[in-house]
Amino acid sequence: MPRAAALSALTPPRTARNGLALTAVCLVALMFGLEISSVPVILPTLEQELGTGFQDAQWIMNAYTLACTSVLMAAGTLADRFGRRRVLVVCLWVFALASLACGLANDAST
């Protein structure tokens, strides 16, 4: 069997569903990058709105960054075990709920 025929037999056909999945994953990656980079930018606003000092705002940023990177590493293992699509959807819901909770916070202690 020629090499080109063998390679084409191994690769799945390109469909709209594959393109949609790729688009979704790229948007999630973009959203994650924007979310991580937004926290340092809003530190002065956090200080002002939450009535906290700069040191407390930095602790918020450090805790947020550690939580995001820990979840990112765990998500890969969970995706291998439970399925990539399922883990992606669950993580998006958890992210949305956590973002809502952070947006509703009245001060730095909540």
PDB file of N, CA and C in Angstrom:
ATOM      1  N   MET A   1       0.845  -1.167   0.000  1.00  0.00           N
ATOM      2  CA  MET A   1       0.000   0.000   0.000  1.00  0.00           C
ATOM      3  C   MET A   1       0.894   1.236   0.000  1.00  0.00           C
ATOM      4  N   PRO A   2       0.649   2.175  -0.892  1.00  0.00           N
ATOM      5  CA  PRO A   2       1.458   3.398  -0.912  1.00  0.00           C
ATOM      6  C   PRO A   2       1.292   4.183   0.388  1.00  0.00           C
ATOM      7  N   ARG A   3       2.326   4.936   0.693  1.00  0.00           N
ATOM      8  CA  ARG A   3       2.343   5.675   1.953  1.00  0.00           C
ATOM      9  C   ARG A   3       1.192   6.684   2.051  1.00  0.00           C
ATOM     10  N   ALA A   4       0.890   7.400   0.986  1.00  0.00           N
ATOM     11  CA  ALA A   4      -0.190   8.389   1.007  1.00  0.00           C
ATOM     12  C   ALA A   4      -1.527   7.720   1.283  1.00  0.00           C
ATOM     13  N   ALA A   5      -1.755   6.560   0.699  1.00  0.00           N
ATOM     14  CA  ALA A   5      -3.017   5.843   0.933  1.00  0.00           C
ATOM     15  C   ALA A   5      -3.098   5.364   2.384  1.00  0.00           C
ATOM     16  N   ALA A   6      -1.977   4.936   2.933  1.00  0.00           N
ATOM     17  CA  ALA A   6      -1.974   4.474   4.319  1.00  0.00           C
ATOM     18  C   ALA A   6      -2.260   5.629   5.276  1.00  0.00           C
ATOM     19  N   LEU A   7      -1.690   6.800   4.988  1.00  0.00           N
ATOM     20  CA  LEU A   7      -1.934   7.958   5.841  1.00  0.00           C
ATOM     21  C   LEU A   7      -3.374   8.426   5.749  1.00  0.00           C
ATOM     22  N   SER A   8      -3.937   8.410   4.535  1.00  0.00           N
ATOM     23  CA  SER A   8      -5.321   8.861   4.403  1.00  0.00           C
ATOM     24  C   SER A   8      -6.282   7.882   5.061  1.00  0.00           C
ATOM     25  N   ALA A   9      -5.915   6.623   5.152  1.00  0.00           N
ATOM     26  CA  ALA A   9      -6.775   5.646   5.820  1.00  0.00           C
ATOM     27  C   ALA A   9      -6.756   5.843   7.334  1.00  0.00           C
ATOM     28  N   LEU A  10      -5.687   6.393   7.867  1.00  0.00           N
ATOM     29  CA  LEU A  10      -5.581   6.599   9.302  1.00  0.00           C
ATOM     30  C   LEU A  10      -6.216   7.901   9.781  1.00  0.00           C
ATOM     31  N   THR A  11      -6.283   8.913   8.920  1.00  0.00           N
ATOM     32  CA  THR A  11      -6.821  10.203   9.333  1.00  0.00           C
ATOM     33  C   THR A  11      -8.325  10.233   9.097  1.00  0.00           C
ATOM     34  N   PRO A  12      -9.072  10.735  10.073  1.00  0.00           N
ATOM     35  CA  PRO A  12     -10.521  10.798   9.901  1.00  0.00           C
ATOM     36  C   PRO A  12     -10.894  11.890   8.900  1.00  0.00           C
ATOM     37  N   PRO A  13     -12.039  11.771   8.291  1.00  0.00           N
ATOM     38  CA  PRO A  13     -12.442  12.804   7.333  1.00  0.00           C
ATOM     39  C   PRO A  13     -12.730  14.118   8.061  1.00  0.00           C
ATOM     40  N   ARG A  14     -12.451  15.203   7.395  1.00  0.00           N
ATOM     41  CA  ARG A  14     -12.707  16.515   7.990  1.00  0.00           C
ATOM     42  C   ARG A  14     -14.190  16.837   7.835  1.00  0.00           C
ATOM     43  N   THR A  15     -14.810  17.119   8.925  1.00  0.00           N
ATOM     44  CA  THR A  15     -16.229  17.427   8.899  1.00  0.00           C
ATOM     45  C   THR A  15     -16.467  18.749   9.605  1.00  0.00           C
ATOM     46  N   ALA A  16     -17.679  19.227   9.495  1.00  0.00           N
ATOM     47  CA  ALA A  16     -18.037  20.469  10.182  1.00  0.00           C
ATOM     48  C   ALA A  16     -17.949  20.293  11.688  1.00  0.00           C
ATOM     49  N   ARG A  17     -18.221  19.081  12.162  1.00  0.00           N
ATOM     50  CA  ARG A  17     -18.154  18.833  13.603  1.00  0.00           C
ATOM     51  C   ARG A  17     -16.719  18.981  14.121  1.00  0.00           C
ATOM     52  N   ASN A  18     -15.746  18.506  13.351  1.00  0.00           N
ATOM     53  CA  ASN A  18     -14.351  18.674  13.758  1.00  0.00           C
ATOM     54  C   ASN A  18     -13.974  20.151  13.805  1.00  0.00           C
ATOM     55  N   GLY A  19     -14.446  20.915  12.827  1.00  0.00           N
ATOM     56  CA  GLY A  19     -14.161  22.350  12.804  1.00  0.00           C
ATOM     57  C   GLY A  19     -14.811  23.070  13.971  1.00  0.00           C
ATOM     58  N   LEU A  20     -16.025  22.660  14.318  1.00  0.00           N
ATOM     59  CA  LEU A  20     -16.714  23.255  15.457  1.00  0.00           C
ATOM     60  C   LEU A  20     -15.985  22.934  16.761  1.00  0.00           C
ATOM     61  N   ALA A  21     -15.521  21.708  16.906  1.00  0.00           N
ATOM     62  CA  ALA A  21     -14.781  21.319  18.110  1.00  0.00           C
ATOM     63  C   ALA A  21     -13.478  22.108  18.213  1.00  0.00           C
ATOM     64  N   LEU A  22     -12.783  22.252  17.097  1.00  0.00           N
ATOM     65  CA  LEU A  22     -11.540  23.021  17.102  1.00  0.00           C
ATOM     66  C   LEU A  22     -11.801  24.477  17.462  1.00  0.00           C
ATOM     67  N   THR A  23     -12.857  25.048  16.925  1.00  0.00           N
ATOM     68  CA  THR A  23     -13.215  26.434  17.239  1.00  0.00           C
ATOM     69  C   THR A  23     -13.531  26.590  18.719  1.00  0.00           C
ATOM     70  N   ALA A  24     -14.278  25.649  19.282  1.00  0.00           N
ATOM     71  CA  ALA A  24     -14.633  25.709  20.705  1.00  0.00           C
ATOM     72  C   ALA A  24     -13.392  25.639  21.584  1.00  0.00           C
ATOM     73  N   VAL A  25     -12.490  24.734  21.276  1.00  0.00           N
ATOM     74  CA  VAL A  25     -11.275  24.587  22.078  1.00  0.00           C
ATOM     75  C   VAL A  25     -10.396  25.830  21.958  1.00  0.00           C
ATOM     76  N   CYS A  26     -10.306  26.403  20.767  1.00  0.00           N
ATOM     77  CA  CYS A  26      -9.511  27.626  20.588  1.00  0.00           C
ATOM     78  C   CYS A  26     -10.109  28.796  21.366  1.00  0.00           C
ATOM     79  N   LEU A  27     -11.433  28.910  21.376  1.00  0.00           N
ATOM     80  CA  LEU A  27     -12.078  29.975  22.140  1.00  0.00           C
ATOM     81  C   LEU A  27     -11.878  29.800  23.641  1.00  0.00           C
ATOM     82  N   VAL A  28     -11.927  28.557  24.110  1.00  0.00           N
ATOM     83  CA  VAL A  28     -11.679  28.291  25.526  1.00  0.00           C
ATOM     84  C   VAL A  28     -10.244  28.656  25.896  1.00  0.00           C
ATOM     85  N   ALA A  29      -9.300  28.305  25.036  1.00  0.00           N
ATOM     86  CA  ALA A  29      -7.898  28.648  25.297  1.00  0.00           C
ATOM     87  C   ALA A  29      -7.706  30.165  25.310  1.00  0.00           C
ATOM     88  N   LEU A  30      -8.367  30.861  24.408  1.00  0.00           N
ATOM     89  CA  LEU A  30      -8.298  32.321  24.379  1.00  0.00           C
ATOM     90  C   LEU A  30      -8.910  32.908  25.648  1.00  0.00           C
ATOM     91  N   MET A  31     -10.060  32.374  26.054  1.00  0.00           N
ATOM     92  CA  MET A  31     -10.728  32.853  27.259  1.00  0.00           C
ATOM     93  C   MET A  31      -9.849  32.637  28.488  1.00  0.00           C
ATOM     94  N   PHE A  32      -9.202  31.485  28.565  1.00  0.00           N
ATOM     95  CA  PHE A  32      -8.347  31.202  29.711  1.00  0.00           C
ATOM     96  C   PHE A  32      -7.161  32.164  29.763  1.00  0.00           C
ATOM     97  N   GLY A  33      -6.541  32.404  28.632  1.00  0.00           N
ATOM     98  CA  GLY A  33      -5.420  33.347  28.583  1.00  0.00           C
ATOM     99  C   GLY A  33      -5.832  34.757  28.970  1.00  0.00           C
ATOM    100  N   LEU A  34      -6.983  35.191  28.492  1.00  0.00           N
ATOM    101  CA  LEU A  34      -7.473  36.526  28.853  1.00  0.00           C
ATOM    102  C   LEU A  34      -7.818  36.604  30.338  1.00  0.00           C
ATOM    103  N   GLU A  35      -8.380  35.539  30.867  1.00  0.00           N
ATOM    104  CA  GLU A  35      -8.769  35.537  32.277  1.00  0.00           C
ATOM    105  C   GLU A  35      -7.542  35.608  33.188  1.00  0.00           C
ATOM    106  N   ILE A  36      -6.524  34.829  32.879  1.00  0.00           N
ATOM    107  CA  ILE A  36      -5.301  34.845  33.698  1.00  0.00           C
ATOM    108  C   ILE A  36      -4.623  36.215  33.632  1.00  0.00           C
ATOM    109  N   SER A  37      -4.598  36.818  32.454  1.00  0.00           N
ATOM    110  CA  SER A  37      -3.900  38.100  32.323  1.00  0.00           C
ATOM    111  C   SER A  37      -4.722  39.273  32.838  1.00  0.00           C
ATOM    112  N   SER A  38      -6.020  39.091  33.048  1.00  0.00           N
ATOM    113  CA  SER A  38      -6.841  40.220  33.502  1.00  0.00           C
ATOM    114  C   SER A  38      -6.671  40.516  34.988  1.00  0.00           C
ATOM    115  N   VAL A  39      -6.350  39.514  35.776  1.00  0.00           N
ATOM    116  CA  VAL A  39      -6.268  39.719  37.229  1.00  0.00           C
ATOM    117  C   VAL A  39      -5.191  40.744  37.606  1.00  0.00           C
ATOM    118  N   PRO A  40      -3.963  40.657  37.099  1.00  0.00           N
ATOM    119  CA  PRO A  40      -2.984  41.685  37.470  1.00  0.00           C
ATOM    120  C   PRO A  40      -3.378  43.090  37.018  1.00  0.00           C
ATOM    121  N   VAL A  41      -4.113  43.180  35.936  1.00  0.00           N
ATOM    122  CA  VAL A  41      -4.517  44.483  35.411  1.00  0.00           C
ATOM    123  C   VAL A  41      -5.544  45.155  36.324  1.00  0.00           C
ATOM    124  N   ILE A  42      -6.404  44.353  36.944  1.00  0.00           N
ATOM    125  CA  ILE A  42      -7.473  44.939  37.748  1.00  0.00           C
ATOM    126  C   ILE A  42      -7.128  45.069  39.233  1.00  0.00           C
ATOM    127  N   LEU A  43      -5.884  44.821  39.617  1.00  0.00           N
ATOM    128  CA  LEU A  43      -5.514  44.935  41.039  1.00  0.00           C
ATOM    129  C   LEU A  43      -5.859  46.293  41.650  1.00  0.00           C
ATOM    130  N   PRO A  44      -5.561  47.413  40.993  1.00  0.00           N
ATOM    131  CA  PRO A  44      -5.942  48.695  41.595  1.00  0.00           C
ATOM    132  C   PRO A  44      -7.459  48.842  41.769  1.00  0.00           C
ATOM    133  N   THR A  45      -8.227  48.317  40.817  1.00  0.00           N
ATOM    134  CA  THR A  45      -9.683  48.372  40.931  1.00  0.00           C
ATOM    135  C   THR A  45     -10.170  47.479  42.058  1.00  0.00           C
ATOM    136  N   LEU A  46      -9.529  46.316  42.227  1.00  0.00           N
ATOM    137  CA  LEU A  46      -9.887  45.430  43.334  1.00  0.00           C
ATOM    138  C   LEU A  46      -9.665  46.117  44.673  1.00  0.00           C
ATOM    139  N   GLU A  47      -8.545  46.796  44.787  1.00  0.00           N
ATOM    140  CA  GLU A  47      -8.254  47.538  46.022  1.00  0.00           C
ATOM    141  C   GLU A  47      -9.352  48.535  46.334  1.00  0.00           C
ATOM    142  N   GLN A  48      -9.737  49.278  45.322  1.00  0.00           N
ATOM    143  CA  GLN A  48     -10.710  50.342  45.501  1.00  0.00           C
ATOM    144  C   GLN A  48     -12.109  49.795  45.768  1.00  0.00           C
ATOM    145  N   GLU A  49     -12.543  48.844  44.973  1.00  0.00           N
ATOM    146  CA  GLU A  49     -13.917  48.333  45.075  1.00  0.00           C
ATOM    147  C   GLU A  49     -14.135  47.452  46.302  1.00  0.00           C
ATOM    148  N   LEU A  50     -13.139  46.670  46.672  1.00  0.00           N
ATOM    149  CA  LEU A  50     -13.297  45.755  47.790  1.00  0.00           C
ATOM    150  C   LEU A  50     -12.816  46.351  49.111  1.00  0.00           C
ATOM    151  N   GLY A  51     -12.264  47.542  49.061  1.00  0.00           N
ATOM    152  CA  GLY A  51     -11.801  48.192  50.279  1.00  0.00           C
ATOM    153  C   GLY A  51     -10.670  47.435  50.947  1.00  0.00           C
ATOM    154  N   THR A  52      -9.726  47.006  50.168  1.00  0.00           N
ATOM    155  CA  THR A  52      -8.612  46.215  50.688  1.00  0.00           C
ATOM    156  C   THR A  52      -7.295  46.900  50.333  1.00  0.00           C
ATOM    157  N   GLY A  53      -6.228  46.448  50.934  1.00  0.00           N
ATOM    158  CA  GLY A  53      -4.911  46.983  50.628  1.00  0.00           C
ATOM    159  C   GLY A  53      -4.274  46.251  49.448  1.00  0.00           C
ATOM    160  N   PHE A  54      -3.174  46.799  48.976  1.00  0.00           N
ATOM    161  CA  PHE A  54      -2.481  46.201  47.832  1.00  0.00           C
ATOM    162  C   PHE A  54      -1.996  44.793  48.157  1.00  0.00           C
ATOM    163  N   GLN A  55      -1.536  44.584  49.390  1.00  0.00           N
ATOM    164  CA  GLN A  55      -1.037  43.262  49.773  1.00  0.00           C
ATOM    165  C   GLN A  55      -2.162  42.218  49.726  1.00  0.00           C
ATOM    166  N   ASP A  56      -3.340  42.562  50.203  1.00  0.00           N
ATOM    167  CA  ASP A  56      -4.473  41.635  50.128  1.00  0.00           C
ATOM    168  C   ASP A  56      -4.857  41.355  48.676  1.00  0.00           C
ATOM    169  N   ALA A  57      -4.808  42.376  47.834  1.00  0.00           N
ATOM    170  CA  ALA A  57      -5.129  42.194  46.419  1.00  0.00           C
ATOM    171  C   ALA A  57      -4.113  41.266  45.749  1.00  0.00           C
ATOM    172  N   GLN A  58      -2.852  41.372  46.141  1.00  0.00           N
ATOM    173  CA  GLN A  58      -1.849  40.460  45.597  1.00  0.00           C
ATOM    174  C   GLN A  58      -2.103  39.025  46.043  1.00  0.00           C
ATOM    175  N   TRP A  59      -2.559  38.831  47.287  1.00  0.00           N
ATOM    176  CA  TRP A  59      -2.908  37.488  47.750  1.00  0.00           C
ATOM    177  C   TRP A  59      -4.065  36.924  46.935  1.00  0.00           C
ATOM    178  N   ILE A  60      -5.023  37.778  46.604  1.00  0.00           N
ATOM    179  CA  ILE A  60      -6.139  37.347  45.759  1.00  0.00           C
ATOM    180  C   ILE A  60      -5.609  36.890  44.404  1.00  0.00           C
ATOM    181  N   MET A  61      -4.699  37.674  43.836  1.00  0.00           N
ATOM    182  CA  MET A  61      -4.136  37.324  42.533  1.00  0.00           C
ATOM    183  C   MET A  61      -3.352  36.019  42.603  1.00  0.00           C
ATOM    184  N   ASN A  62      -2.542  35.849  43.638  1.00  0.00           N
ATOM    185  CA  ASN A  62      -1.762  34.616  43.774  1.00  0.00           C
ATOM    186  C   ASN A  62      -2.654  33.400  43.961  1.00  0.00           C
ATOM    187  N   ALA A  63      -3.679  33.531  44.794  1.00  0.00           N
ATOM    188  CA  ALA A  63      -4.600  32.413  45.008  1.00  0.00           C
ATOM    189  C   ALA A  63      -5.336  32.069  43.724  1.00  0.00           C
ATOM    190  N   TYR A  64      -5.743  33.071  42.981  1.00  0.00           N
ATOM    191  CA  TYR A  64      -6.453  32.844  41.724  1.00  0.00           C
ATOM    192  C   TYR A  64      -5.552  32.138  40.713  1.00  0.00           C
ATOM    193  N   THR A  65      -4.329  32.602  40.585  1.00  0.00           N
ATOM    194  CA  THR A  65      -3.396  31.998  39.634  1.00  0.00           C
ATOM    195  C   THR A  65      -3.075  30.557  40.008  1.00  0.00           C
ATOM    196  N   LEU A  66      -2.836  30.301  41.290  1.00  0.00           N
ATOM    197  CA  LEU A  66      -2.572  28.925  41.735  1.00  0.00           C
ATOM    198  C   LEU A  66      -3.772  28.019  41.500  1.00  0.00           C
ATOM    199  N   ALA A  67      -4.961  28.514  41.782  1.00  0.00           N
ATOM    200  CA  ALA A  67      -6.165  27.710  41.566  1.00  0.00           C
ATOM    201  C   ALA A  67      -6.354  27.390  40.087  1.00  0.00           C
ATOM    202  N   CYS A  68      -6.163  28.379  39.234  1.00  0.00           N
ATOM    203  CA  CYS A  68      -6.342  28.155  37.786  1.00  0.00           C
ATOM    204  C   CYS A  68      -5.324  27.156  37.242  1.00  0.00           C
ATOM    205  N   THR A  69      -4.083  27.297  37.619  1.00  0.00           N
ATOM    206  CA  THR A  69      -3.074  26.388  37.084  1.00  0.00           C
ATOM    207  C   THR A  69      -3.237  24.980  37.644  1.00  0.00           C
ATOM    208  N   SER A  70      -3.661  24.864  38.889  1.00  0.00           N
ATOM    209  CA  SER A  70      -3.906  23.529  39.461  1.00  0.00           C
ATOM    210  C   SER A  70      -5.056  22.832  38.750  1.00  0.00           C
ATOM    211  N   VAL A  71      -6.117  23.576  38.506  1.00  0.00           N
ATOM    212  CA  VAL A  71      -7.274  23.007  37.809  1.00  0.00           C
ATOM    213  C   VAL A  71      -6.889  22.645  36.376  1.00  0.00           C
ATOM    214  N   LEU A  72      -6.059  23.454  35.754  1.00  0.00           N
ATOM    215  CA  LEU A  72      -5.644  23.172  34.383  1.00  0.00           C
ATOM    216  C   LEU A  72      -4.883  21.848  34.299  1.00  0.00           C
ATOM    217  N   MET A  73      -3.999  21.608  35.252  1.00  0.00           N
ATOM    218  CA  MET A  73      -3.256  20.346  35.251  1.00  0.00           C
ATOM    219  C   MET A  73      -4.167  19.160  35.551  1.00  0.00           C
ATOM    220  N   ALA A  74      -5.078  19.331  36.489  1.00  0.00           N
ATOM    221  CA  ALA A  74      -5.989  18.240  36.844  1.00  0.00           C
ATOM    222  C   ALA A  74      -6.979  17.960  35.713  1.00  0.00           C
ATOM    223  N   ALA A  75      -7.360  18.974  34.971  1.00  0.00           N
ATOM    224  CA  ALA A  75      -8.335  18.790  33.897  1.00  0.00           C
ATOM    225  C   ALA A  75      -7.816  17.852  32.817  1.00  0.00           C
ATOM    226  N   GLY A  76      -6.536  17.887  32.542  1.00  0.00           N
ATOM    227  CA  GLY A  76      -5.967  16.974  31.547  1.00  0.00           C
ATOM    228  C   GLY A  76      -6.111  15.519  31.970  1.00  0.00           C
ATOM    229  N   THR A  77      -5.833  15.242  33.211  1.00  0.00           N
ATOM    230  CA  THR A  77      -5.971  13.878  33.726  1.00  0.00           C
ATOM    231  C   THR A  77      -7.436  13.457  33.761  1.00  0.00           C
ATOM    232  N   LEU A  78      -8.302  14.358  34.209  1.00  0.00           N
ATOM    233  CA  LEU A  78      -9.729  14.048  34.243  1.00  0.00           C
ATOM    234  C   LEU A  78     -10.289  13.836  32.843  1.00  0.00           C
ATOM    235  N   ALA A  79      -9.800  14.604  31.872  1.00  0.00           N
ATOM    236  CA  ALA A  79     -10.265  14.448  30.490  1.00  0.00           C
ATOM    237  C   ALA A  79      -9.872  13.089  29.931  1.00  0.00           C
ATOM    238  N   ASP A  80      -8.692  12.613  30.282  1.00  0.00           N
ATOM    239  CA  ASP A  80      -8.288  11.282  29.835  1.00  0.00           C
ATOM    240  C   ASP A  80      -9.169  10.194  30.445  1.00  0.00           C
ATOM    241  N   ARG A  81      -9.602  10.414  31.655  1.00  0.00           N
ATOM    242  CA  ARG A  81     -10.385   9.402  32.362  1.00  0.00           C
ATOM    243  C   ARG A  81     -11.871   9.453  32.014  1.00  0.00           C
ATOM    244  N   PHE A  82     -12.452  10.657  31.958  1.00  0.00           N
ATOM    245  CA  PHE A  82     -13.903  10.791  31.803  1.00  0.00           C
ATOM    246  C   PHE A  82     -14.351  11.300  30.438  1.00  0.00           C
ATOM    247  N   GLY A  83     -13.423  11.682  29.596  1.00  0.00           N
ATOM    248  CA  GLY A  83     -13.779  12.189  28.269  1.00  0.00           C
ATOM    249  C   GLY A  83     -13.548  13.684  28.174  1.00  0.00           C
ATOM    250  N   ARG A  84     -12.957  14.082  27.072  1.00  0.00           N
ATOM    251  CA  ARG A  84     -12.580  15.484  26.912  1.00  0.00           C
ATOM    252  C   ARG A  84     -13.791  16.409  26.839  1.00  0.00           C
ATOM    253  N   ARG A  85     -14.809  16.004  26.105  1.00  0.00           N
ATOM    254  CA  ARG A  85     -15.981  16.853  25.950  1.00  0.00           C
ATOM    255  C   ARG A  85     -16.689  17.063  27.293  1.00  0.00           C
ATOM    256  N   ARG A  86     -16.890  15.992  28.025  1.00  0.00           N
ATOM    257  CA  ARG A  86     -17.570  16.087  29.312  1.00  0.00           C
ATOM    258  C   ARG A  86     -16.808  16.989  30.283  1.00  0.00           C
ATOM    259  N   VAL A  87     -15.499  16.814  30.354  1.00  0.00           N
ATOM    260  CA  VAL A  87     -14.693  17.625  31.269  1.00  0.00           C
ATOM    261  C   VAL A  87     -14.693  19.092  30.825  1.00  0.00           C
ATOM    262  N   LEU A  88     -14.640  19.340  29.520  1.00  0.00           N
ATOM    263  CA  LEU A  88     -14.671  20.709  29.025  1.00  0.00           C
ATOM    264  C   LEU A  88     -15.973  21.398  29.425  1.00  0.00           C
ATOM    265  N   VAL A  89     -17.089  20.724  29.231  1.00  0.00           N
ATOM    266  CA  VAL A  89     -18.387  21.320  29.565  1.00  0.00           C
ATOM    267  C   VAL A  89     -18.506  21.559  31.071  1.00  0.00           C
ATOM    268  N   VAL A  90     -18.100  20.574  31.877  1.00  0.00           N
ATOM    269  CA  VAL A  90     -18.168  20.737  33.335  1.00  0.00           C
ATOM    270  C   VAL A  90     -17.262  21.877  33.782  1.00  0.00           C
ATOM    271  N   CYS A  91     -16.061  21.955  33.244  1.00  0.00           N
ATOM    272  CA  CYS A  91     -15.127  23.024  33.621  1.00  0.00           C
ATOM    273  C   CYS A  91     -15.652  24.400  33.217  1.00  0.00           C
ATOM    274  N   LEU A  92     -16.308  24.488  32.074  1.00  0.00           N
ATOM    275  CA  LEU A  92     -16.881  25.769  31.671  1.00  0.00           C
ATOM    276  C   LEU A  92     -17.988  26.206  32.628  1.00  0.00           C
ATOM    277  N   TRP A  93     -18.816  25.261  33.057  1.00  0.00           N
ATOM    278  CA  TRP A  93     -19.864  25.590  34.023  1.00  0.00           C
ATOM    279  C   TRP A  93     -19.274  26.006  35.373  1.00  0.00           C
ATOM    280  N   VAL A  94     -18.280  25.278  35.833  1.00  0.00           N
ATOM    281  CA  VAL A  94     -17.646  25.623  37.109  1.00  0.00           C
ATOM    282  C   VAL A  94     -16.981  26.997  37.008  1.00  0.00           C
ATOM    283  N   PHE A  95     -16.331  27.256  35.887  1.00  0.00           N
ATOM    284  CA  PHE A  95     -15.698  28.551  35.659  1.00  0.00           C
ATOM    285  C   PHE A  95     -16.734  29.671  35.681  1.00  0.00           C
ATOM    286  N   ALA A  96     -17.867  29.461  35.020  1.00  0.00           N
ATOM    287  CA  ALA A  96     -18.910  30.483  34.976  1.00  0.00           C
ATOM    288  C   ALA A  96     -19.472  30.751  36.374  1.00  0.00           C
ATOM    289  N   LEU A  97     -19.719  29.691  37.135  1.00  0.00           N
ATOM    290  CA  LEU A  97     -20.258  29.864  38.486  1.00  0.00           C
ATOM    291  C   LEU A  97     -19.244  30.527  39.413  1.00  0.00           C
ATOM    292  N   ALA A  98     -17.973  30.139  39.297  1.00  0.00           N
ATOM    293  CA  ALA A  98     -16.933  30.762  40.131  1.00  0.00           C
ATOM    294  C   ALA A  98     -16.757  32.233  39.757  1.00  0.00           C
ATOM    295  N   SER A  99     -16.832  32.554  38.479  1.00  0.00           N
ATOM    296  CA  SER A  99     -16.726  33.949  38.053  1.00  0.00           C
ATOM    297  C   SER A  99     -17.897  34.767  38.578  1.00  0.00           C
ATOM    298  N   LEU A 100     -19.086  34.167  38.568  1.00  0.00           N
ATOM    299  CA  LEU A 100     -20.247  34.851  39.109  1.00  0.00           C
ATOM    300  C   LEU A 100     -20.082  35.097  40.608  1.00  0.00           C
ATOM    301  N   ALA A 101     -19.594  34.107  41.327  1.00  0.00           N
ATOM    302  CA  ALA A 101     -19.384  34.265  42.772  1.00  0.00           C
ATOM    303  C   ALA A 101     -18.352  35.352  43.058  1.00  0.00           C
ATOM    304  N   CYS A 102     -17.290  35.386  42.260  1.00  0.00           N
ATOM    305  CA  CYS A 102     -16.265  36.423  42.454  1.00  0.00           C
ATOM    306  C   CYS A 102     -16.822  37.807  42.118  1.00  0.00           C
ATOM    307  N   GLY A 103     -17.661  37.868  41.105  1.00  0.00           N
ATOM    308  CA  GLY A 103     -18.249  39.147  40.738  1.00  0.00           C
ATOM    309  C   GLY A 103     -19.232  39.674  41.761  1.00  0.00           C
ATOM    310  N   LEU A 104     -19.846  38.789  42.514  1.00  0.00           N
ATOM    311  CA  LEU A 104     -20.812  39.195  43.534  1.00  0.00           C
ATOM    312  C   LEU A 104     -20.193  39.460  44.900  1.00  0.00           C
ATOM    313  N   ALA A 105     -18.882  39.283  45.024  1.00  0.00           N
ATOM    314  CA  ALA A 105     -18.206  39.475  46.323  1.00  0.00           C
ATOM    315  C   ALA A 105     -18.295  40.932  46.748  1.00  0.00           C
ATOM    316  N   ASN A 106     -18.574  41.128  48.022  1.00  0.00           N
ATOM    317  CA  ASN A 106     -18.678  42.487  48.568  1.00  0.00           C
ATOM    318  C   ASN A 106     -17.374  43.008  49.148  1.00  0.00           C
ATOM    319  N   ASP A 107     -16.547  42.091  49.634  1.00  0.00           N
ATOM    320  CA  ASP A 107     -15.253  42.496  50.175  1.00  0.00           C
ATOM    321  C   ASP A 107     -14.264  41.354  49.967  1.00  0.00           C
ATOM    322  N   ALA A 108     -13.023  41.565  50.372  1.00  0.00           N
ATOM    323  CA  ALA A 108     -11.960  40.608  50.106  1.00  0.00           C
ATOM    324  C   ALA A 108     -12.087  39.332  50.927  1.00  0.00           C
ATOM    325  N   SER A 109     -12.825  39.364  52.015  1.00  0.00           N
ATOM    326  CA  SER A 109     -12.920  38.181  52.869  1.00  0.00           C
ATOM    327  C   SER A 109     -13.926  37.157  52.367  1.00  0.00           C
ATOM    328  N   THR A 110     -14.809  37.513  51.453  1.00  0.00           N
ATOM    329  CA  THR A 110     -15.818  36.564  50.965  1.00  0.00           C
ATOM    330  C   THR A 110     -15.366  35.829  49.756  1.00  0.00           C
TER     331      THR A 110
END
